[in-house]
Amino acid sequence: MRHVSGDKEAIKAKFIATQKLNAETQLEQLDFDGVEKNVEVVWEKHIPQWVDQYVESDNPDMVVKTGNRTETLFYTPTDWQLLRDCSAPLMIAAEKKWRKTPNVLAAVDLESANTSKQDLNHKVLKQASALAEHQGAELFVCYTIPFSPPLRDLGMQYVDELENAAEQKLKPVIEALAAQYKIPTENFIQHVGQPERVIPSTAADVKAGLVVMGTVGRKGITGKIIGNTAEKVLKLLKSDVIALKPDS
């Protein structure tokens, strides 16, 4: 190995050339139906920062990455950094899926009165609807009804009561969205709980191979301590994920 140190640049160049050839070979096996494609392989230590710069300069329609969903106190995976910082739509492909399924699940906040969150809902539903139509898949919509664990433990909140109240309150909202995006009203699913548990369990129930959701990533200490919903969802979700940011 003593002869390797003097040839670092040559080894790096050979590695990049090999990866580029592998990527081009794989692309040739896929049907892009006349879409122009180009392969560029880069050697980069700080991937999220490089992606941010690329998105800023080239404005891609989507960033796609294979998943790596393990976090420790001192390590934040690239996936999570991209969820927080990447301004382009981000697709994280699952390495190990629970099954081969074509259905699509859109996760939205149906009760928010915030205009930006409502706009994000429409962005999520529009993207999910287009993907479901393209794949010939069935589209489902998931909403997590918020609750207070302390009040539940004290017997002051009951899951069935919260779900019944939400069903009545959100009926006109669901009917309007169902008509706009041509989704059967029975495909709107509402459960009390925490989004990081409700969304993965709902995805499993409806056999969703793809989940589309919005994300507003917290940064710094706040993100580390409180966490981000999209990041927490990734821990349990075994399907592809598309995360969309609000329009700036």
Protein backbone atom coordinates (compact mmCIF):
# COMPACT_ATOMS: atom_id res chain seq x y z
CA MET A 1 0.00 0.00 0.00
CA ARG A 2 3.04 2.31 0.31
CA HIS A 3 2.83 3.06 -3.44
CA VAL A 4 -0.79 4.25 -3.26
CA SER A 5 -0.22 7.60 -1.50
CA GLY A 6 1.61 9.14 -4.47
CA ASP A 7 -1.21 8.21 -6.87
CA LYS A 8 -4.20 9.62 -4.99
CA GLU A 9 -5.33 11.83 -7.86
CA ALA A 10 -4.96 8.99 -10.37
CA ILE A 11 -6.97 6.65 -8.12
CA LYS A 12 -9.62 9.33 -7.65
CA ALA A 13 -9.87 9.93 -11.42
CA LYS A 14 -10.13 6.20 -12.11
CA PHE A 15 -12.84 5.78 -9.47
CA ILE A 16 -14.88 8.66 -10.91
CA ALA A 17 -14.53 7.28 -14.44
CA THR A 18 -15.66 3.83 -13.27
CA GLN A 19 -18.69 5.24 -11.46
CA LYS A 20 -19.64 7.32 -14.49
CA LEU A 21 -19.44 4.26 -16.76
CA ASN A 22 -21.59 2.25 -14.33
CA ALA A 23 -24.18 5.03 -14.18
CA GLU A 24 -24.29 5.40 -17.97
CA THR A 25 -24.69 1.62 -18.34
CA GLN A 26 -27.61 1.61 -15.92
CA LEU A 27 -29.26 4.56 -17.66
CA GLU A 28 -29.05 2.79 -21.01
CA GLN A 29 -31.19 0.01 -19.57
CA LEU A 30 -33.97 2.44 -18.64
CA ASP A 31 -36.61 3.81 -20.99
CA PHE A 32 -36.61 7.60 -20.78
CA ASP A 33 -38.83 7.95 -23.86
CA GLY A 34 -36.68 10.48 -25.69
CA VAL A 35 -35.65 12.48 -22.60
CA GLU A 36 -32.15 13.92 -22.88
CA LYS A 37 -29.88 12.65 -20.13
CA ASN A 38 -26.42 13.52 -18.93
CA VAL A 39 -24.18 11.89 -16.32
CA GLU A 40 -21.87 13.88 -14.09
CA VAL A 41 -19.94 12.21 -11.26
CA VAL A 42 -18.39 14.40 -8.57
CA TRP A 43 -16.06 13.66 -5.66
CA GLU A 44 -17.48 15.65 -2.77
CA LYS A 45 -17.13 15.39 1.00
CA HIS A 46 -19.94 17.80 1.92
CA ILE A 47 -22.84 16.46 -0.15
CA PRO A 48 -25.70 18.62 1.23
CA GLN A 49 -23.77 21.84 0.61
CA TRP A 50 -22.85 20.72 -2.91
CA VAL A 51 -26.47 19.84 -3.66
CA ASP A 52 -27.65 23.22 -2.33
CA GLN A 53 -25.23 25.00 -4.64
CA TYR A 54 -26.29 22.85 -7.59
CA VAL A 55 -29.98 23.51 -6.94
CA GLU A 56 -29.30 27.22 -6.65
CA SER A 57 -27.40 27.39 -9.95
CA ASP A 58 -29.22 24.78 -12.09
CA ASN A 59 -32.77 24.80 -10.63
CA PRO A 60 -33.54 21.06 -11.12
CA ASP A 61 -37.12 19.77 -11.03
CA MET A 62 -36.21 17.21 -8.37
CA VAL A 63 -33.29 15.84 -6.36
CA VAL A 64 -33.28 12.03 -5.95
CA LYS A 65 -31.22 10.16 -3.37
CA THR A 66 -31.05 6.63 -1.97
CA GLY A 67 -32.02 6.50 1.69
CA ASN A 68 -29.74 6.40 4.73
CA ARG A 69 -31.86 6.96 7.81
CA THR A 70 -29.61 6.43 10.83
CA GLU A 71 -28.95 9.36 13.16
CA THR A 72 -26.94 9.70 16.36
CA LEU A 73 -26.46 12.67 18.67
CA PHE A 74 -23.31 13.69 16.82
CA TYR A 75 -24.23 12.58 13.31
CA THR A 76 -27.02 13.81 11.08
CA PRO A 77 -27.37 11.82 7.85
CA THR A 78 -27.31 13.50 4.48
CA ASP A 79 -31.02 12.67 4.01
CA TRP A 80 -32.00 14.79 6.99
CA GLN A 81 -29.71 17.65 6.07
CA LEU A 82 -31.27 17.73 2.61
CA LEU A 83 -34.77 17.66 4.11
CA ARG A 84 -33.89 20.76 6.12
CA ASP A 85 -32.00 22.71 3.48
CA CYS A 86 -32.77 21.53 -0.07
CA SER A 87 -35.15 23.97 -1.73
CA ALA A 88 -35.97 21.66 -4.67
CA PRO A 89 -38.45 18.77 -4.38
CA LEU A 90 -36.55 15.90 -2.77
CA MET A 91 -37.16 12.18 -3.36
CA ILE A 92 -35.55 9.74 -0.96
CA ALA A 93 -35.71 6.19 -2.28
CA ALA A 94 -36.03 3.45 0.33
CA GLU A 95 -33.25 0.87 0.36
CA LYS A 96 -35.50 -1.81 1.84
CA LYS A 97 -39.21 -1.54 1.05
CA TRP A 98 -41.83 -3.51 2.92
CA ARG A 99 -43.47 -4.62 -0.33
CA LYS A 100 -43.78 -3.80 -4.00
CA THR A 101 -46.83 -1.57 -4.10
CA PRO A 102 -47.98 1.07 -6.57
CA ASN A 103 -50.28 3.18 -4.39
CA VAL A 104 -49.51 6.76 -3.39
CA LEU A 105 -50.17 8.40 -0.01
CA ALA A 106 -50.30 12.19 0.44
CA ALA A 107 -49.79 13.46 4.00
CA VAL A 108 -51.39 16.86 4.62
CA ASP A 109 -52.61 19.15 7.41
CA LEU A 110 -56.34 19.50 6.84
CA GLU A 111 -57.11 21.69 9.88
CA SER A 112 -54.50 24.42 9.45
CA ALA A 113 -55.83 27.92 8.80
CA ASN A 114 -52.34 29.11 7.87
CA THR A 115 -52.28 30.20 4.22
CA SER A 116 -48.76 28.91 3.56
CA LYS A 117 -49.66 25.49 5.00
CA GLN A 118 -52.83 25.36 2.92
CA ASP A 119 -50.77 26.21 -0.17
CA LEU A 120 -48.36 23.42 0.77
CA ASN A 121 -51.31 21.02 1.07
CA HIS A 122 -52.30 21.82 -2.51
CA LYS A 123 -48.70 21.44 -3.67
CA VAL A 124 -48.53 17.98 -2.06
CA LEU A 125 -51.91 16.89 -3.45
CA LYS A 126 -51.12 18.15 -6.94
CA GLN A 127 -47.80 16.26 -7.00
CA ALA A 128 -49.28 13.09 -5.49
CA SER A 129 -52.25 13.16 -7.86
CA ALA A 130 -50.00 13.51 -10.92
CA LEU A 131 -47.77 10.64 -9.78
CA ALA A 132 -50.71 8.37 -8.99
CA GLU A 133 -52.24 9.06 -12.40
CA HIS A 134 -48.92 8.44 -14.16
CA GLN A 135 -48.44 5.12 -12.35
CA GLY A 136 -52.05 4.03 -12.65
CA ALA A 137 -52.12 3.90 -8.85
CA GLU A 138 -54.75 4.69 -6.25
CA LEU A 139 -54.24 7.88 -4.25
CA PHE A 140 -54.92 8.11 -0.52
CA VAL A 141 -54.74 11.16 1.74
CA CYS A 142 -53.63 10.99 5.36
CA TYR A 143 -54.19 13.53 8.13
CA THR A 144 -52.93 13.15 11.70
CA ILE A 145 -55.36 14.59 14.25
CA PRO A 146 -53.39 16.30 17.03
CA PHE A 147 -53.94 15.33 20.65
CA SER A 148 -52.46 15.89 24.10
CA PRO A 149 -50.86 12.76 25.62
CA PRO A 150 -51.17 14.14 29.21
CA LEU A 151 -54.89 14.86 28.74
CA ARG A 152 -55.38 11.43 27.20
CA ASP A 153 -53.61 9.77 30.13
CA LEU A 154 -55.84 11.70 32.53
CA GLY A 155 -58.94 10.49 30.70
CA MET A 156 -59.80 13.99 29.48
CA GLN A 157 -59.36 13.18 25.78
CA TYR A 158 -60.63 10.11 23.93
CA VAL A 159 -59.43 8.98 20.53
CA ASP A 160 -62.88 8.09 19.17
CA GLU A 161 -64.33 11.45 20.26
CA LEU A 162 -61.47 13.37 18.64
CA GLU A 163 -61.80 11.41 15.40
CA ASN A 164 -65.58 11.86 15.28
CA ALA A 165 -65.27 15.60 15.92
CA ALA A 166 -62.60 15.96 13.24
CA GLU A 167 -64.70 13.97 10.77
CA GLN A 168 -67.63 16.35 11.16
CA LYS A 169 -65.50 19.49 11.15
CA LEU A 170 -63.45 18.51 8.11
CA LYS A 171 -66.24 17.07 6.00
CA PRO A 172 -66.64 20.18 3.78
CA VAL A 173 -62.85 20.54 3.46
CA ILE A 174 -62.47 16.92 2.38
CA GLU A 175 -65.39 17.11 -0.05
CA ALA A 176 -63.89 20.19 -1.70
CA LEU A 177 -60.42 18.61 -2.04
CA ALA A 178 -61.90 15.33 -3.20
CA ALA A 179 -63.77 17.11 -5.99
CA GLN A 180 -60.79 19.26 -6.97
CA TYR A 181 -58.31 16.38 -7.20
CA LYS A 182 -60.77 13.62 -8.15
CA ILE A 183 -60.07 11.54 -5.04
CA PRO A 184 -62.84 9.39 -3.49
CA THR A 185 -63.83 10.83 -0.11
CA GLU A 186 -63.37 7.38 1.46
CA ASN A 187 -59.67 7.60 0.54
CA PHE A 188 -59.20 10.42 3.06
CA ILE A 189 -57.94 8.80 6.26
CA GLN A 190 -57.81 10.52 9.64
CA HIS A 191 -56.27 9.12 12.81
CA VAL A 192 -55.37 10.55 16.19
CA GLY A 193 -51.72 10.23 17.08
CA GLN A 194 -48.24 11.41 16.23
CA PRO A 195 -47.44 11.93 12.54
CA GLU A 196 -44.24 9.87 12.74
CA ARG A 197 -46.38 6.87 13.66
CA VAL A 198 -49.68 7.58 11.91
CA ILE A 199 -48.15 8.21 8.47
CA PRO A 200 -46.05 5.00 8.31
CA SER A 201 -48.91 2.85 9.66
CA THR A 202 -51.35 4.39 7.19
CA ALA A 203 -48.88 3.86 4.33
CA ALA A 204 -48.67 0.18 5.30
CA ASP A 205 -52.46 -0.15 5.53
CA VAL A 206 -53.10 1.32 2.07
CA LYS A 207 -50.08 -0.43 0.51
CA ALA A 208 -48.36 2.81 -0.48
CA GLY A 209 -45.01 2.52 -2.20
CA LEU A 210 -44.64 6.30 -2.28
CA VAL A 211 -45.46 8.96 0.31
CA VAL A 212 -45.65 12.64 -0.64
CA MET A 213 -45.45 15.15 2.20
CA GLY A 214 -44.56 18.74 2.95
CA THR A 215 -41.68 19.72 5.16
CA VAL A 216 -40.55 22.91 6.84
CA GLY A 217 -37.20 21.86 8.29
CA ARG A 218 -36.07 23.31 11.60
CA LYS A 219 -32.36 24.06 11.77
CA GLY A 220 -29.71 24.28 14.44
CA ILE A 221 -30.38 23.42 18.09
CA THR A 222 -34.15 23.65 17.64
CA GLY A 223 -34.13 20.99 14.94
CA LYS A 224 -31.82 18.79 16.98
CA ILE A 225 -33.85 18.93 20.18
CA ILE A 226 -37.42 19.18 18.88
CA GLY A 227 -36.84 17.31 15.63
CA ASN A 228 -38.66 17.55 12.34
CA THR A 229 -41.77 15.58 11.45
CA ALA A 230 -40.47 14.48 8.04
CA GLU A 231 -37.25 13.19 9.59
CA LYS A 232 -39.11 11.28 12.30
CA VAL A 233 -41.40 9.73 9.68
CA LEU A 234 -38.38 8.40 7.78
CA LYS A 235 -37.33 6.29 10.76
CA LEU A 236 -40.32 3.97 10.42
CA LEU A 237 -41.36 4.44 6.81
CA LYS A 238 -40.28 1.72 4.35
CA SER A 239 -41.33 3.37 1.13
CA ASP A 240 -40.06 6.08 -1.19
CA VAL A 241 -40.65 9.62 0.05
CA ILE A 242 -41.06 12.90 -1.83
CA ALA A 243 -40.66 15.95 0.40
CA LEU A 244 -41.85 19.35 -0.82
CA LYS A 245 -40.98 22.74 0.61
CA PRO A 246 -43.39 25.71 0.69
CA ASP A 247 -43.02 28.16 -2.17
CA SER A 248 -40.78 30.99 -1.08
